[in-house]
N, C-alpha and C. Protein backbone atom coordinates (compact mmCIF):
# COMPACT_ATOMS: atom_id res chain seq x y z
N MET A 1 28.15 -0.84 5.29
CA MET A 1 27.29 0.18 5.81
C MET A 1 26.03 0.13 5.32
N ASP A 2 26.03 -0.14 3.92
CA ASP A 2 24.80 -0.08 3.26
C ASP A 2 23.80 -1.18 3.83
N ASN A 3 24.37 -2.27 4.05
CA ASN A 3 23.48 -3.38 4.51
C ASN A 3 22.96 -2.96 5.96
N GLN A 4 23.68 -2.18 6.75
CA GLN A 4 23.21 -1.94 8.06
C GLN A 4 22.06 -0.83 7.96
N GLN A 5 22.25 0.05 7.06
CA GLN A 5 21.27 1.10 6.75
C GLN A 5 19.90 0.49 6.19
N SER A 6 20.12 -0.48 5.31
CA SER A 6 18.92 -1.25 4.82
C SER A 6 18.32 -2.05 5.86
N SER A 7 19.04 -2.54 6.78
CA SER A 7 18.46 -3.27 7.90
C SER A 7 17.66 -2.49 8.76
N ILE A 8 18.17 -1.37 9.13
CA ILE A 8 17.53 -0.41 10.04
C ILE A 8 16.33 0.01 9.21
N GLN A 9 16.36 0.40 8.08
CA GLN A 9 15.19 0.81 7.31
C GLN A 9 14.05 -0.22 7.31
N THR A 10 14.48 -1.52 7.00
CA THR A 10 13.38 -2.42 6.94
C THR A 10 12.80 -2.78 8.25
N GLN A 11 13.48 -2.34 9.37
CA GLN A 11 12.88 -2.65 10.68
C GLN A 11 12.06 -1.55 11.18
N ASN A 12 12.09 -0.40 10.48
CA ASN A 12 11.23 0.77 10.83
C ASN A 12 9.79 0.57 10.32
N PRO A 13 8.81 0.59 11.29
CA PRO A 13 7.36 0.41 10.84
C PRO A 13 6.90 1.43 9.91
N ILE A 14 7.36 2.65 10.00
CA ILE A 14 7.01 3.75 9.01
C ILE A 14 7.48 3.28 7.70
N SER A 15 8.66 3.00 7.51
CA SER A 15 9.31 2.64 6.24
C SER A 15 8.58 1.32 5.63
N GLN A 16 8.29 0.35 6.42
CA GLN A 16 7.49 -0.71 6.09
C GLN A 16 6.18 -0.43 5.57
N ALA A 17 5.48 0.44 6.27
CA ALA A 17 4.17 0.96 5.73
C ALA A 17 4.24 1.70 4.38
N GLN A 18 5.26 2.71 4.36
CA GLN A 18 5.46 3.30 3.12
C GLN A 18 5.61 2.33 1.79
N ASN A 19 6.59 1.42 2.17
CA ASN A 19 6.81 0.39 1.11
C ASN A 19 5.62 -0.39 0.66
N ALA A 20 4.74 -0.73 1.65
CA ALA A 20 3.54 -1.55 1.52
C ALA A 20 2.52 -0.67 0.69
N VAL A 21 2.35 0.57 1.10
CA VAL A 21 1.55 1.47 0.29
C VAL A 21 2.03 1.57 -1.16
N GLU A 22 3.30 1.79 -1.36
CA GLU A 22 3.85 1.80 -2.73
C GLU A 22 3.61 0.57 -3.55
N GLN A 23 3.72 -0.59 -2.81
CA GLN A 23 3.39 -1.83 -3.55
C GLN A 23 1.91 -1.88 -3.91
N ALA A 24 1.12 -1.40 -3.01
CA ALA A 24 -0.37 -1.44 -3.39
C ALA A 24 -0.66 -0.55 -4.51
N LYS A 25 0.00 0.60 -4.61
CA LYS A 25 -0.18 1.57 -5.64
C LYS A 25 0.21 0.77 -7.02
N ASN A 26 1.44 0.17 -6.96
CA ASN A 26 1.95 -0.45 -8.12
C ASN A 26 0.99 -1.78 -8.52
N ALA A 27 0.46 -2.37 -7.59
CA ALA A 27 -0.41 -3.56 -7.89
C ALA A 27 -1.68 -3.01 -8.52
N VAL A 28 -2.16 -1.87 -8.09
CA VAL A 28 -3.42 -1.19 -8.76
C VAL A 28 -3.05 -0.80 -10.11
N ALA A 29 -1.93 -0.21 -10.22
CA ALA A 29 -1.53 0.28 -11.66
C ALA A 29 -1.47 -0.90 -12.60
N GLN A 30 -0.89 -2.01 -12.08
CA GLN A 30 -0.80 -3.28 -12.89
C GLN A 30 -2.30 -3.72 -13.26
N MET A 31 -3.09 -3.72 -12.24
CA MET A 31 -4.51 -4.16 -12.48
C MET A 31 -5.29 -3.23 -13.40
N GLN A 32 -4.89 -1.96 -13.54
CA GLN A 32 -5.56 -1.05 -14.43
C GLN A 32 -4.96 -1.30 -15.91
N SER A 33 -3.72 -1.65 -15.95
CA SER A 33 -3.18 -1.91 -17.33
C SER A 33 -3.49 -3.27 -17.80
N HIS A 34 -3.68 -4.18 -16.97
CA HIS A 34 -4.02 -5.59 -17.19
C HIS A 34 -5.08 -6.15 -16.30
N PRO A 35 -6.34 -5.72 -16.64
CA PRO A 35 -7.57 -6.06 -15.70
C PRO A 35 -7.90 -7.52 -15.81
N THR A 36 -7.15 -8.36 -15.02
CA THR A 36 -7.46 -9.76 -14.93
C THR A 36 -7.95 -10.05 -13.49
N GLN A 37 -8.52 -11.17 -13.23
CA GLN A 37 -8.89 -11.57 -11.88
C GLN A 37 -7.66 -11.72 -11.04
N GLN A 38 -6.62 -12.18 -11.60
CA GLN A 38 -5.43 -12.37 -10.88
C GLN A 38 -4.81 -11.07 -10.50
N ALA A 39 -4.76 -10.07 -11.31
CA ALA A 39 -4.28 -8.65 -10.97
C ALA A 39 -5.25 -8.09 -9.98
N LEU A 40 -6.57 -8.32 -9.96
CA LEU A 40 -7.42 -7.76 -8.85
C LEU A 40 -7.06 -8.39 -7.59
N GLU A 41 -6.96 -9.77 -7.54
CA GLU A 41 -6.50 -10.41 -6.21
C GLU A 41 -5.24 -9.86 -5.82
N GLY A 42 -4.20 -9.65 -6.67
CA GLY A 42 -2.87 -9.15 -6.24
C GLY A 42 -3.10 -7.72 -5.71
N ALA A 43 -4.02 -6.93 -6.17
CA ALA A 43 -4.15 -5.61 -5.68
C ALA A 43 -4.83 -5.66 -4.37
N GLN A 44 -5.81 -6.48 -4.30
CA GLN A 44 -6.50 -6.63 -2.98
C GLN A 44 -5.51 -7.09 -1.96
N ASN A 45 -4.70 -8.12 -2.19
CA ASN A 45 -3.76 -8.59 -1.28
C ASN A 45 -2.79 -7.52 -0.90
N ALA A 46 -2.32 -6.72 -1.77
CA ALA A 46 -1.32 -5.66 -1.51
C ALA A 46 -2.00 -4.64 -0.64
N ILE A 47 -3.35 -4.37 -0.81
CA ILE A 47 -4.00 -3.29 -0.01
C ILE A 47 -4.14 -3.85 1.41
N GLU A 48 -4.43 -5.13 1.57
CA GLU A 48 -4.52 -5.71 2.87
C GLU A 48 -3.19 -5.68 3.58
N GLN A 49 -2.10 -5.91 2.82
CA GLN A 49 -0.77 -5.94 3.43
C GLN A 49 -0.55 -4.49 3.86
N ALA A 50 -0.76 -3.55 3.07
CA ALA A 50 -0.61 -2.00 3.46
C ALA A 50 -1.48 -1.70 4.69
N GLU A 51 -2.59 -2.17 4.85
CA GLU A 51 -3.34 -1.93 6.03
C GLU A 51 -2.84 -2.43 7.20
N ARG A 52 -2.27 -3.70 7.15
CA ARG A 52 -1.64 -4.29 8.22
C ARG A 52 -0.36 -3.49 8.64
N ALA A 53 0.44 -2.98 7.63
CA ALA A 53 1.62 -2.39 7.88
C ALA A 53 1.32 -0.98 8.42
N ILE A 54 0.29 -0.21 8.06
CA ILE A 54 -0.11 1.03 8.58
C ILE A 54 -0.48 0.76 10.04
N ALA A 55 -1.28 -0.33 10.29
CA ALA A 55 -1.77 -0.51 11.61
C ALA A 55 -0.44 -0.70 12.57
N GLN A 56 0.51 -1.37 12.12
CA GLN A 56 1.73 -1.45 12.84
C GLN A 56 2.42 -0.04 13.10
N ALA A 57 2.49 0.66 12.09
CA ALA A 57 3.14 2.01 12.25
C ALA A 57 2.26 3.05 12.96
N ASN A 58 1.02 2.73 13.23
CA ASN A 58 0.12 3.61 13.85
C ASN A 58 0.63 3.84 15.41
N THR A 59 1.44 3.08 15.90
CA THR A 59 2.13 3.29 17.21
C THR A 59 3.14 4.20 17.16
N SER A 60 3.59 4.60 15.95
CA SER A 60 4.74 5.53 15.78
C SER A 60 4.45 6.98 16.31
N GLU A 61 5.41 7.55 16.63
CA GLU A 61 5.29 9.03 16.98
C GLU A 61 4.88 9.87 15.78
N ASN A 62 5.28 9.37 14.61
CA ASN A 62 5.13 10.17 13.48
C ASN A 62 3.76 10.02 12.84
N GLN A 63 2.76 10.58 13.53
CA GLN A 63 1.39 10.40 13.05
C GLN A 63 0.96 11.11 11.81
N ARG A 64 1.84 12.07 11.49
CA ARG A 64 1.58 12.85 10.20
C ARG A 64 1.84 11.86 8.97
N ALA A 65 2.95 11.16 9.22
CA ALA A 65 3.25 10.19 8.18
C ALA A 65 2.31 9.10 8.04
N VAL A 66 1.76 8.55 9.13
CA VAL A 66 0.69 7.62 9.15
C VAL A 66 -0.57 8.08 8.49
N ALA A 67 -0.90 9.34 8.88
CA ALA A 67 -2.18 9.88 8.27
C ALA A 67 -2.08 10.10 6.63
N GLU A 68 -0.88 10.49 6.16
CA GLU A 68 -0.56 10.52 4.77
C GLU A 68 -0.81 9.20 4.11
N MET A 69 -0.27 8.19 4.72
CA MET A 69 -0.30 6.81 4.11
C MET A 69 -1.80 6.38 4.16
N VAL A 70 -2.52 6.72 5.17
CA VAL A 70 -4.00 6.34 5.22
C VAL A 70 -4.65 6.96 4.13
N GLU A 71 -4.46 8.23 3.75
CA GLU A 71 -4.99 8.92 2.67
C GLU A 71 -4.61 8.27 1.28
N GLN A 72 -3.32 7.89 1.13
CA GLN A 72 -2.95 7.27 -0.03
C GLN A 72 -3.59 6.06 -0.27
N LEU A 73 -3.73 5.20 0.76
CA LEU A 73 -4.37 3.90 0.74
C LEU A 73 -5.87 4.12 0.33
N GLU A 74 -6.54 5.14 0.83
CA GLU A 74 -7.87 5.27 0.54
C GLU A 74 -7.96 5.62 -0.89
N GLU A 75 -7.15 6.41 -1.47
CA GLU A 75 -7.08 6.74 -2.86
C GLU A 75 -6.94 5.44 -3.83
N VAL A 76 -6.12 4.48 -3.30
CA VAL A 76 -5.82 3.17 -3.92
C VAL A 76 -7.13 2.44 -3.87
N ARG A 77 -7.81 2.54 -2.77
CA ARG A 77 -9.17 1.71 -2.61
C ARG A 77 -10.19 2.32 -3.61
N ARG A 78 -10.11 3.53 -3.70
CA ARG A 78 -11.07 4.23 -4.62
C ARG A 78 -10.93 3.86 -6.17
N ARG A 79 -9.58 3.72 -6.42
CA ARG A 79 -9.20 3.25 -7.77
C ARG A 79 -9.68 1.85 -8.09
N VAL A 80 -9.54 1.07 -7.16
CA VAL A 80 -9.95 -0.38 -7.24
C VAL A 80 -11.44 -0.45 -7.40
N ALA A 81 -12.23 0.33 -6.58
CA ALA A 81 -13.69 0.45 -6.53
C ALA A 81 -14.11 0.83 -7.90
N GLN A 82 -13.51 1.84 -8.48
CA GLN A 82 -13.90 2.32 -9.86
C GLN A 82 -13.69 1.33 -10.83
N MET A 83 -12.64 0.48 -10.76
CA MET A 83 -12.39 -0.45 -11.78
C MET A 83 -13.37 -1.71 -11.74
N GLN A 84 -14.01 -1.98 -10.38
CA GLN A 84 -14.86 -2.94 -10.25
C GLN A 84 -16.33 -2.56 -10.68
N GLN A 85 -16.59 -1.27 -10.78
CA GLN A 85 -17.98 -0.89 -11.20
C GLN A 85 -18.23 -1.21 -12.59
N PRO A 86 -19.33 -1.69 -12.93
CA PRO A 86 -19.71 -1.99 -14.41
C PRO A 86 -19.72 -0.77 -15.18
N GLN A 87 -19.21 -0.78 -16.39
CA GLN A 87 -19.13 0.42 -17.35
C GLN A 87 -20.60 0.51 -17.95
N ASN A 88 -21.05 1.67 -17.89
CA ASN A 88 -22.27 2.11 -18.64
C ASN A 88 -22.25 2.23 -20.00
């Protein structure tokens, strides 16, 4: 039964988008703790993946969840932008 529930969850666009946003958050946290070019590229790739997942979920009836994910992703983007600004 657990496999069936996992399968259903992975097929749900909202769940996929939520997972992608969480992965983007984790990638940015990794970048913040280990600021390397590779970590930056990983964070950027994770953000792009989350953007695609949110676009897929945007056809969902649960627009509130989609809006919350968009807000979370915007915060992730802000964190990346702050990290890329030169320190004064």
